[in-house]
């Protein structure tokens, strides 16, 4: 069986990480994840992540780099995390599809939500990656990024 890739976005506003609470399917509802989704046939992981962020959050984003590691999901799927940034002029993220709430989590608050199991491992790797100085934040943008506060539903 060929592995299929699920991509997840590590989207930061300064040092705050965007988390999305699942509303569907029922077995995942109420748990938190990095937003993203499945890579479709003929898509690159970067193309899939840009598409998923448009569909799920209504944003335009640039995929920057992959976080080292991948994490097994229900076969045949594996999870990959990618660092992304919002493009200048993009809308603020809002929960449009499969999510009912978004939160920007400060570093001290990252473990305050009930992450999906596979996202726990990805978040750990992401924090190590950022801690190594390899992962820049909104300073990559040509202009300072505004503080984003998604509405709660």
C-alpha atoms as a PDB file:
ATOM      1  CA  UNK A   1       0.000   0.000   0.000  1.00  0.00           C
ATOM      2  CA  UNK A   2       1.385   3.398  -0.978  1.00  0.00           C
ATOM      3  CA  UNK A   3       1.640   6.026   1.741  1.00  0.00           C
ATOM      4  CA  UNK A   4      -0.581   9.080   1.305  1.00  0.00           C
ATOM      5  CA  UNK A   5       0.450  12.429   2.711  1.00  0.00           C
ATOM      6  CA  UNK A   6      -1.592  14.674   4.988  1.00  0.00           C
ATOM      7  CA  UNK A   7      -0.125  18.172   5.328  1.00  0.00           C
ATOM      8  CA  UNK A   8      -0.420  20.458   8.357  1.00  0.00           C
ATOM      9  CA  UNK A   9       0.318  24.187   8.604  1.00  0.00           C
ATOM     10  CA  UNK A  10       2.534  25.709  11.259  1.00  0.00           C
ATOM     11  CA  UNK A  11       1.205  29.251  10.906  1.00  0.00           C
ATOM     12  CA  UNK A  12       2.597  31.847  13.297  1.00  0.00           C
ATOM     13  CA  UNK A  13       1.713  35.396  14.219  1.00  0.00           C
ATOM     14  CA  UNK A  14       4.871  36.517  15.980  1.00  0.00           C
ATOM     15  CA  UNK A  15       5.436  33.690  18.462  1.00  0.00           C
ATOM     16  CA  UNK A  16       1.772  32.563  18.539  1.00  0.00           C
ATOM     17  CA  UNK A  17       0.840  29.324  16.747  1.00  0.00           C
ATOM     18  CA  UNK A  18      -2.564  28.926  15.074  1.00  0.00           C
ATOM     19  CA  UNK A  19      -4.572  25.914  16.290  1.00  0.00           C
ATOM     20  CA  UNK A  20      -7.923  24.753  14.886  1.00  0.00           C
ATOM     21  CA  UNK A  21     -10.586  22.801  16.815  1.00  0.00           C
ATOM     22  CA  UNK A  22     -12.205  20.010  14.801  1.00  0.00           C
ATOM     23  CA  UNK A  23     -15.984  19.987  14.387  1.00  0.00           C
ATOM     24  CA  UNK A  24     -16.056  16.885  12.159  1.00  0.00           C
ATOM     25  CA  UNK A  25     -15.914  13.945  11.892  1.00  0.00           C
ATOM     26  CA  UNK A  26     -17.552  13.010  15.188  1.00  0.00           C
ATOM     27  CA  UNK A  27     -14.585  10.983  16.472  1.00  0.00           C
ATOM     28  CA  UNK A  28     -12.291  14.032  16.110  1.00  0.00           C
ATOM     29  CA  UNK A  29     -14.734  16.768  17.149  1.00  0.00           C
ATOM     30  CA  UNK A  30     -13.500  18.932  20.012  1.00  0.00           C
ATOM     31  CA  UNK A  31      -9.838  18.028  19.528  1.00  0.00           C
ATOM     32  CA  UNK A  32      -7.272  20.504  18.217  1.00  0.00           C
ATOM     33  CA  UNK A  33      -4.943  20.278  15.236  1.00  0.00           C
ATOM     34  CA  UNK A  34      -2.722  22.220  12.932  1.00  0.00           C
ATOM     35  CA  UNK A  35      -4.953  23.091   9.955  1.00  0.00           C
ATOM     36  CA  UNK A  36      -4.368  21.224   6.703  1.00  0.00           C
ATOM     37  CA  UNK A  37      -5.530  18.125   4.865  1.00  0.00           C
ATOM     38  CA  UNK A  38      -4.858  15.388   2.348  1.00  0.00           C
ATOM     39  CA  UNK A  39      -2.648  15.776  -0.700  1.00  0.00           C
ATOM     40  CA  UNK A  40      -4.769  14.947  -3.756  1.00  0.00           C
ATOM     41  CA  UNK A  41      -3.468  13.071  -6.786  1.00  0.00           C
ATOM     42  CA  UNK A  42      -1.390  15.360  -8.996  1.00  0.00           C
ATOM     43  CA  UNK A  43      -0.752  17.913  -6.211  1.00  0.00           C
ATOM     44  CA  UNK A  44       2.498  18.652  -4.455  1.00  0.00           C
ATOM     45  CA  UNK A  45       2.336  18.881  -0.646  1.00  0.00           C
ATOM     46  CA  UNK A  46       2.839  22.645  -0.942  1.00  0.00           C
ATOM     47  CA  UNK A  47      -0.048  23.006  -3.416  1.00  0.00           C
ATOM     48  CA  UNK A  48      -2.290  20.876  -1.215  1.00  0.00           C
ATOM     49  CA  UNK A  49      -1.520  22.924   1.879  1.00  0.00           C
ATOM     50  CA  UNK A  50      -2.233  26.212   0.098  1.00  0.00           C
ATOM     51  CA  UNK A  51      -5.544  24.782  -1.179  1.00  0.00           C
ATOM     52  CA  UNK A  52      -6.542  23.387   2.221  1.00  0.00           C
ATOM     53  CA  UNK A  53      -5.828  26.695   3.971  1.00  0.00           C
ATOM     54  CA  UNK A  54      -7.986  28.523   1.402  1.00  0.00           C
ATOM     55  CA  UNK A  55     -10.836  26.023   1.890  1.00  0.00           C
ATOM     56  CA  UNK A  56     -10.642  25.637   5.676  1.00  0.00           C
ATOM     57  CA  UNK A  57      -9.576  29.121   6.798  1.00  0.00           C
ATOM     58  CA  UNK A  58     -10.217  31.457   3.857  1.00  0.00           C
ATOM     59  CA  UNK A  59      -6.580  32.601   3.711  1.00  0.00           C
ATOM     60  CA  UNK A  60      -3.861  32.889   1.096  1.00  0.00           C
ATOM     61  CA  UNK A  61      -0.576  31.516   2.393  1.00  0.00           C
ATOM     62  CA  UNK A  62       2.942  30.841   1.236  1.00  0.00           C
ATOM     63  CA  UNK A  63       4.386  27.457   2.159  1.00  0.00           C
ATOM     64  CA  UNK A  64       7.942  28.051   3.356  1.00  0.00           C
ATOM     65  CA  UNK A  65       9.628  24.851   4.537  1.00  0.00           C
ATOM     66  CA  UNK A  66       8.918  21.396   5.857  1.00  0.00           C
ATOM     67  CA  UNK A  67       9.385  20.647   9.540  1.00  0.00           C
ATOM     68  CA  UNK A  68      11.692  17.612   9.884  1.00  0.00           C
ATOM     69  CA  UNK A  69       9.859  14.352  10.563  1.00  0.00           C
ATOM     70  CA  UNK A  70       6.626  12.642   9.627  1.00  0.00           C
ATOM     71  CA  UNK A  71       4.072  10.946  11.821  1.00  0.00           C
ATOM     72  CA  UNK A  72       1.909   7.901  11.110  1.00  0.00           C
ATOM     73  CA  UNK A  73      -1.853   8.327  10.896  1.00  0.00           C
ATOM     74  CA  UNK A  74      -4.468   5.712  10.105  1.00  0.00           C
ATOM     75  CA  UNK A  75      -2.932   3.663   7.232  1.00  0.00           C
ATOM     76  CA  UNK A  76      -2.050   4.542   4.538  1.00  0.00           C
ATOM     77  CA  UNK A  77      -1.674   8.161   5.709  1.00  0.00           C
ATOM     78  CA  UNK A  78       1.322   9.990   7.177  1.00  0.00           C
ATOM     79  CA  UNK A  79       1.409  13.545   8.539  1.00  0.00           C
ATOM     80  CA  UNK A  80       3.923  16.185   7.461  1.00  0.00           C
ATOM     81  CA  UNK A  81       4.072  19.679   8.987  1.00  0.00           C
ATOM     82  CA  UNK A  82       5.104  22.733   7.001  1.00  0.00           C
ATOM     83  CA  UNK A  83       5.936  26.253   8.132  1.00  0.00           C
ATOM     84  CA  UNK A  84       3.735  28.775   6.334  1.00  0.00           C
ATOM     85  CA  UNK A  85       3.028  32.507   6.408  1.00  0.00           C
ATOM     86  CA  UNK A  86       0.034  34.518   5.339  1.00  0.00           C
ATOM     87  CA  UNK A  87       0.540  36.465   2.152  1.00  0.00           C
ATOM     88  CA  UNK A  88       0.255  40.254   2.380  1.00  0.00           C
ATOM     89  CA  UNK A  89      -3.390  41.232   1.944  1.00  0.00           C
ATOM     90  CA  UNK A  90      -4.735  37.830   2.995  1.00  0.00           C
ATOM     91  CA  UNK A  91      -7.889  37.745   5.079  1.00  0.00           C
ATOM     92  CA  UNK A  92      -7.669  36.848   8.756  1.00  0.00           C
ATOM     93  CA  UNK A  93      -8.146  33.098   9.332  1.00  0.00           C
ATOM     94  CA  UNK A  94     -11.681  31.990  10.179  1.00  0.00           C
ATOM     95  CA  UNK A  95     -13.122  28.493  10.693  1.00  0.00           C
ATOM     96  CA  UNK A  96     -14.924  27.710   7.428  1.00  0.00           C
ATOM     97  CA  UNK A  97     -14.723  23.936   7.043  1.00  0.00           C
ATOM     98  CA  UNK A  98     -14.232  21.062   9.529  1.00  0.00           C
ATOM     99  CA  UNK A  99     -13.438  23.469  12.411  1.00  0.00           C
ATOM    100  CA  UNK A 100     -15.546  25.502  14.829  1.00  0.00           C
ATOM    101  CA  UNK A 101     -12.876  27.557  16.610  1.00  0.00           C
ATOM    102  CA  UNK A 102      -9.388  28.933  15.994  1.00  0.00           C
ATOM    103  CA  UNK A 103      -6.879  30.068  18.610  1.00  0.00           C
ATOM    104  CA  UNK A 104      -3.512  31.760  18.458  1.00  0.00           C
ATOM    105  CA  UNK A 105      -1.497  29.994  21.165  1.00  0.00           C
ATOM    106  CA  UNK A 106       1.442  31.686  22.883  1.00  0.00           C
ATOM    107  CA  UNK A 107       4.427  29.408  23.586  1.00  0.00           C
ATOM    108  CA  UNK A 108       3.361  28.909  27.221  1.00  0.00           C
ATOM    109  CA  UNK A 109      -0.195  28.001  26.130  1.00  0.00           C
ATOM    110  CA  UNK A 110       0.553  25.461  23.386  1.00  0.00           C
ATOM    111  CA  UNK A 111      -0.219  22.477  25.627  1.00  0.00           C
ATOM    112  CA  UNK A 112      -3.435  24.021  27.034  1.00  0.00           C
ATOM    113  CA  UNK A 113      -5.586  22.510  24.265  1.00  0.00           C
ATOM    114  CA  UNK A 114      -6.484  18.858  23.640  1.00  0.00           C
ATOM    115  CA  UNK A 115      -4.396  18.144  20.521  1.00  0.00           C
ATOM    116  CA  UNK A 116      -5.041  15.173  18.262  1.00  0.00           C
ATOM    117  CA  UNK A 117      -2.507  12.471  19.131  1.00  0.00           C
ATOM    118  CA  UNK A 118      -0.436  12.775  15.948  1.00  0.00           C
ATOM    119  CA  UNK A 119      -0.359  16.559  16.270  1.00  0.00           C
ATOM    120  CA  UNK A 120       1.234  16.237  19.730  1.00  0.00           C
ATOM    121  CA  UNK A 121       4.305  14.683  18.104  1.00  0.00           C
ATOM    122  CA  UNK A 122       4.307  17.229  15.277  1.00  0.00           C
ATOM    123  CA  UNK A 123       4.040  20.144  17.745  1.00  0.00           C
ATOM    124  CA  UNK A 124       6.970  18.743  19.724  1.00  0.00           C
ATOM    125  CA  UNK A 125       9.071  18.550  16.552  1.00  0.00           C
ATOM    126  CA  UNK A 126       7.952  22.024  15.500  1.00  0.00           C
ATOM    127  CA  UNK A 127       8.944  23.531  18.840  1.00  0.00           C
ATOM    128  CA  UNK A 128      12.373  21.855  18.619  1.00  0.00           C
ATOM    129  CA  UNK A 129      12.740  23.100  15.032  1.00  0.00           C
ATOM    130  CA  UNK A 130      11.881  26.675  16.025  1.00  0.00           C
ATOM    131  CA  UNK A 131      14.101  26.448  19.091  1.00  0.00           C
ATOM    132  CA  UNK A 132      17.047  25.570  16.863  1.00  0.00           C
ATOM    133  CA  UNK A 133      16.650  28.967  15.188  1.00  0.00           C
ATOM    134  CA  UNK A 134      15.735  27.419  11.855  1.00  0.00           C
ATOM    135  CA  UNK A 135      12.200  28.697  11.833  1.00  0.00           C
ATOM    136  CA  UNK A 136      11.595  32.394  11.341  1.00  0.00           C
ATOM    137  CA  UNK A 137       8.238  33.991  12.068  1.00  0.00           C
ATOM    138  CA  UNK A 138       6.297  36.855  10.576  1.00  0.00           C
ATOM    139  CA  UNK A 139       9.610  38.696  10.176  1.00  0.00           C
ATOM    140  CA  UNK A 140       9.857  36.837   6.852  1.00  0.00           C
ATOM    141  CA  UNK A 141       7.046  39.029   5.541  1.00  0.00           C
ATOM    142  CA  UNK A 142       7.942  42.195   3.651  1.00  0.00           C
ATOM    143  CA  UNK A 143       5.906  44.257   6.126  1.00  0.00           C
ATOM    144  CA  UNK A 144       5.096  43.591   9.777  1.00  0.00           C
ATOM    145  CA  UNK A 145       2.200  41.166  10.138  1.00  0.00           C
ATOM    146  CA  UNK A 146      -0.810  42.456  12.076  1.00  0.00           C
ATOM    147  CA  UNK A 147      -1.843  40.651  15.253  1.00  0.00           C
ATOM    148  CA  UNK A 148      -4.616  38.295  14.236  1.00  0.00           C
ATOM    149  CA  UNK A 149      -7.478  37.406  16.513  1.00  0.00           C
ATOM    150  CA  UNK A 150      -9.864  34.967  14.841  1.00  0.00           C
ATOM    151  CA  UNK A 151     -13.446  35.182  16.030  1.00  0.00           C
ATOM    152  CA  UNK A 152     -14.783  32.368  18.172  1.00  0.00           C
ATOM    153  CA  UNK A 153     -17.854  30.614  16.851  1.00  0.00           C
END
